[in-house]
Amino acid sequence: MIEFSLDRRSGLAPYLQIVQQVRHALSLGLLGRGDQLPTVKEAVASLAVNPNTVLKAYRELEREGLISSRPGVGTFVERDLATIPPQRHAALRRGLERWVRSAREAGLDDDAIEALFASTFRESLSEEEIA
């Protein structure tokens, strides 16, 4: 089962962080069809947020057809988003972990690493559009 976390400094609304975490877990194959999400009560307790925050996130995911709520039973994943096998993700993750270690050894802090990755990612998207 997924465990949610919030970054209070991210500038992204808490409910959107929950939505994003579920989408990412689905894309990476960490969650799949039939898997159960934490109950609203469990998510509220672990995140220390208002129940409406979790309900809003779940409603958004339900509207997208990714999950469904079954009263008295729980909230379940309805659709997979993974496009490649989880084993392939593992290999890519190892490569990224090596890159992060190398960036730290070069003296970059977490913010600089994140900024470098984000700008490189955006630039690669622009290059793909040109090609």
C-alpha atoms as a PDB file:
ATOM      1  CA  MET A   1       0.000   0.000   0.000  1.00  0.00           C
ATOM      2  CA  ILE A   2       1.239   3.484  -0.822  1.00  0.00           C
ATOM      3  CA  GLU A   3       2.288   5.798   2.005  1.00  0.00           C
ATOM      4  CA  PHE A   4       1.708   9.458   1.279  1.00  0.00           C
ATOM      5  CA  SER A   5       4.056  12.248   2.294  1.00  0.00           C
ATOM      6  CA  LEU A   6       3.788  16.004   1.978  1.00  0.00           C
ATOM      7  CA  ASP A   7       6.413  18.618   1.245  1.00  0.00           C
ATOM      8  CA  ARG A   8       5.093  21.723   2.956  1.00  0.00           C
ATOM      9  CA  ARG A   9       7.715  23.858   1.154  1.00  0.00           C
ATOM     10  CA  SER A  10       6.872  22.674  -2.367  1.00  0.00           C
ATOM     11  CA  GLY A  11       4.255  25.323  -3.099  1.00  0.00           C
ATOM     12  CA  LEU A  12       1.992  22.562  -4.447  1.00  0.00           C
ATOM     13  CA  ALA A  13      -1.349  22.171  -2.674  1.00  0.00           C
ATOM     14  CA  PRO A  14      -1.432  19.099  -0.394  1.00  0.00           C
ATOM     15  CA  TYR A  15      -4.297  17.478  -2.292  1.00  0.00           C
ATOM     16  CA  LEU A  16      -2.354  17.842  -5.550  1.00  0.00           C
ATOM     17  CA  GLN A  17       0.690  16.235  -3.935  1.00  0.00           C
ATOM     18  CA  ILE A  18      -1.462  13.220  -3.066  1.00  0.00           C
ATOM     19  CA  VAL A  19      -2.831  13.087  -6.624  1.00  0.00           C
ATOM     20  CA  GLN A  20       0.692  13.344  -8.018  1.00  0.00           C
ATOM     21  CA  GLN A  21       1.995  10.577  -5.755  1.00  0.00           C
ATOM     22  CA  VAL A  22      -0.760   8.212  -6.856  1.00  0.00           C
ATOM     23  CA  ARG A  23      -0.169   9.017 -10.543  1.00  0.00           C
ATOM     24  CA  HIS A  24       3.582   8.487 -10.120  1.00  0.00           C
ATOM     25  CA  ALA A  25       3.057   5.165  -8.318  1.00  0.00           C
ATOM     26  CA  LEU A  26       0.726   4.049 -11.112  1.00  0.00           C
ATOM     27  CA  SER A  27       3.184   5.136 -13.803  1.00  0.00           C
ATOM     28  CA  LEU A  28       6.034   3.288 -12.118  1.00  0.00           C
ATOM     29  CA  GLY A  29       3.995   0.135 -11.615  1.00  0.00           C
ATOM     30  CA  LEU A  30       4.192   0.474  -7.831  1.00  0.00           C
ATOM     31  CA  LEU A  31       0.396   0.503  -7.741  1.00  0.00           C
ATOM     32  CA  GLY A  32      -1.773  -1.553 -10.041  1.00  0.00           C
ATOM     33  CA  ARG A  33      -5.373  -2.386 -10.755  1.00  0.00           C
ATOM     34  CA  GLY A  34      -7.089  -3.698  -7.633  1.00  0.00           C
ATOM     35  CA  ASP A  35      -4.603  -2.251  -5.143  1.00  0.00           C
ATOM     36  CA  GLN A  36      -6.143  -0.456  -2.200  1.00  0.00           C
ATOM     37  CA  LEU A  37      -5.270   3.110  -1.223  1.00  0.00           C
ATOM     38  CA  PRO A  38      -5.098   4.191   2.413  1.00  0.00           C
ATOM     39  CA  THR A  39      -8.452   5.047   3.924  1.00  0.00           C
ATOM     40  CA  VAL A  40      -9.166   8.736   4.357  1.00  0.00           C
ATOM     41  CA  LYS A  41      -8.767   8.236   8.105  1.00  0.00           C
ATOM     42  CA  GLU A  42      -5.349   6.573   7.674  1.00  0.00           C
ATOM     43  CA  ALA A  43      -4.130   9.277   5.268  1.00  0.00           C
ATOM     44  CA  VAL A  44      -5.354  12.061   7.565  1.00  0.00           C
ATOM     45  CA  ALA A  45      -3.559  10.490  10.533  1.00  0.00           C
ATOM     46  CA  SER A  46      -0.254  10.033   8.685  1.00  0.00           C
ATOM     47  CA  LEU A  47      -0.276  13.435   6.950  1.00  0.00           C
ATOM     48  CA  ALA A  48      -1.885  15.578   9.660  1.00  0.00           C
ATOM     49  CA  VAL A  49      -4.252  17.227   7.173  1.00  0.00           C
ATOM     50  CA  ASN A  50      -7.941  17.981   7.050  1.00  0.00           C
ATOM     51  CA  PRO A  51     -10.052  15.047   5.798  1.00  0.00           C
ATOM     52  CA  ASN A  52     -11.337  17.305   2.991  1.00  0.00           C
ATOM     53  CA  THR A  53      -7.787  17.447   1.581  1.00  0.00           C
ATOM     54  CA  VAL A  54      -7.668  13.677   1.117  1.00  0.00           C
ATOM     55  CA  LEU A  55     -11.264  13.543  -0.106  1.00  0.00           C
ATOM     56  CA  LYS A  56     -10.515  16.224  -2.702  1.00  0.00           C
ATOM     57  CA  ALA A  57      -7.499  14.251  -3.953  1.00  0.00           C
ATOM     58  CA  TYR A  58      -9.482  11.024  -4.133  1.00  0.00           C
ATOM     59  CA  ARG A  59     -12.352  12.776  -5.961  1.00  0.00           C
ATOM     60  CA  GLU A  60      -9.866  14.120  -8.535  1.00  0.00           C
ATOM     61  CA  LEU A  61      -8.365  10.664  -9.065  1.00  0.00           C
ATOM     62  CA  GLU A  62     -11.842   9.170  -9.298  1.00  0.00           C
ATOM     63  CA  ARG A  63     -12.875  11.797 -11.851  1.00  0.00           C
ATOM     64  CA  GLU A  64      -9.850  10.739 -13.936  1.00  0.00           C
ATOM     65  CA  GLY A  65     -10.988   7.119 -13.745  1.00  0.00           C
ATOM     66  CA  LEU A  66      -7.869   6.024 -11.873  1.00  0.00           C
ATOM     67  CA  ILE A  67      -9.559   4.924  -8.643  1.00  0.00           C
ATOM     68  CA  SER A  68     -12.991   4.109  -7.315  1.00  0.00           C
ATOM     69  CA  SER A  69     -14.412   4.286  -3.838  1.00  0.00           C
ATOM     70  CA  ARG A  70     -16.504   1.437  -2.514  1.00  0.00           C
ATOM     71  CA  PRO A  71     -18.451   2.580   0.544  1.00  0.00           C
ATOM     72  CA  GLY A  72     -17.641   0.480   3.569  1.00  0.00           C
ATOM     73  CA  VAL A  73     -14.878  -1.367   1.706  1.00  0.00           C
ATOM     74  CA  GLY A  74     -12.254   1.172   0.639  1.00  0.00           C
ATOM     75  CA  THR A  75     -10.708   2.975  -2.305  1.00  0.00           C
ATOM     76  CA  PHE A  76      -9.149   0.897  -5.075  1.00  0.00           C
ATOM     77  CA  VAL A  77      -7.054   1.429  -8.192  1.00  0.00           C
ATOM     78  CA  GLU A  78      -9.093   0.963 -11.361  1.00  0.00           C
ATOM     79  CA  ARG A  79      -6.493   1.575 -14.060  1.00  0.00           C
ATOM     80  CA  ASP A  80      -2.797   0.970 -14.635  1.00  0.00           C
ATOM     81  CA  LEU A  81      -0.580   3.678 -16.092  1.00  0.00           C
ATOM     82  CA  ALA A  82       2.704   1.771 -16.267  1.00  0.00           C
ATOM     83  CA  THR A  83       4.081   1.811 -19.797  1.00  0.00           C
ATOM     84  CA  ILE A  84       7.199  -0.302 -19.240  1.00  0.00           C
ATOM     85  CA  PRO A  85       7.879  -3.277 -16.946  1.00  0.00           C
ATOM     86  CA  PRO A  86       8.901  -2.506 -13.338  1.00  0.00           C
ATOM     87  CA  GLN A  87      12.260  -4.218 -13.954  1.00  0.00           C
ATOM     88  CA  ARG A  88      13.105  -1.558 -16.543  1.00  0.00           C
ATOM     89  CA  HIS A  89      12.223   1.141 -14.016  1.00  0.00           C
ATOM     90  CA  ALA A  90      14.637  -0.441 -11.550  1.00  0.00           C
ATOM     91  CA  ALA A  91      17.516  -0.198 -14.031  1.00  0.00           C
ATOM     92  CA  LEU A  92      16.696   3.432 -14.812  1.00  0.00           C
ATOM     93  CA  ARG A  93      16.445   4.217 -11.098  1.00  0.00           C
ATOM     94  CA  ARG A  94      19.903   2.762 -10.479  1.00  0.00           C
ATOM     95  CA  GLY A  95      21.286   5.005 -13.213  1.00  0.00           C
ATOM     96  CA  LEU A  96      19.634   8.043 -11.663  1.00  0.00           C
ATOM     97  CA  GLU A  97      20.952   7.113  -8.227  1.00  0.00           C
ATOM     98  CA  ARG A  98      24.487   6.966  -9.661  1.00  0.00           C
ATOM     99  CA  TRP A  99      23.945  10.369 -11.273  1.00  0.00           C
ATOM    100  CA  VAL A 100      22.689  11.876  -7.981  1.00  0.00           C
ATOM    101  CA  ARG A 101      25.715  10.494  -6.102  1.00  0.00           C
ATOM    102  CA  SER A 102      27.991  11.949  -8.764  1.00  0.00           C
ATOM    103  CA  ALA A 103      26.256  15.342  -8.508  1.00  0.00           C
ATOM    104  CA  ARG A 104      26.667  15.325  -4.714  1.00  0.00           C
ATOM    105  CA  GLU A 105      30.340  14.393  -5.060  1.00  0.00           C
ATOM    106  CA  ALA A 106      30.690  17.380  -7.405  1.00  0.00           C
ATOM    107  CA  GLY A 107      29.414  19.575  -4.558  1.00  0.00           C
ATOM    108  CA  LEU A 108      25.789  20.170  -5.544  1.00  0.00           C
ATOM    109  CA  ASP A 109      23.185  20.362  -2.786  1.00  0.00           C
ATOM    110  CA  ASP A 110      19.681  18.913  -3.103  1.00  0.00           C
ATOM    111  CA  ASP A 111      18.163  22.120  -4.509  1.00  0.00           C
ATOM    112  CA  ALA A 112      20.891  22.434  -7.142  1.00  0.00           C
ATOM    113  CA  ILE A 113      20.533  18.768  -8.122  1.00  0.00           C
ATOM    114  CA  GLU A 114      16.775  19.154  -8.481  1.00  0.00           C
ATOM    115  CA  ALA A 115      17.173  22.362 -10.504  1.00  0.00           C
ATOM    116  CA  LEU A 116      19.754  20.763 -12.810  1.00  0.00           C
ATOM    117  CA  PHE A 117      17.581  17.714 -13.391  1.00  0.00           C
ATOM    118  CA  ALA A 118      14.441  19.804 -14.019  1.00  0.00           C
ATOM    119  CA  SER A 119      16.152  22.165 -16.466  1.00  0.00           C
ATOM    120  CA  THR A 120      17.812  19.268 -18.313  1.00  0.00           C
ATOM    121  CA  PHE A 121      14.489  17.447 -18.484  1.00  0.00           C
ATOM    122  CA  ARG A 122      12.693  20.527 -19.864  1.00  0.00           C
ATOM    123  CA  GLU A 123      15.464  21.125 -22.404  1.00  0.00           C
ATOM    124  CA  SER A 124      15.300  17.527 -23.587  1.00  0.00           C
ATOM    125  CA  LEU A 125      11.555  17.910 -24.162  1.00  0.00           C
ATOM    126  CA  SER A 126      12.185  21.039 -26.232  1.00  0.00           C
ATOM    127  CA  GLU A 127      14.813  19.211 -28.288  1.00  0.00           C
ATOM    128  CA  GLU A 128      12.380  16.364 -28.963  1.00  0.00           C
ATOM    129  CA  GLU A 129       9.814  18.858 -30.280  1.00  0.00           C
ATOM    130  CA  ILE A 130      12.403  20.330 -32.661  1.00  0.00           C
ATOM    131  CA  ALA A 131      13.538  16.933 -33.980  1.00  0.00           C
END
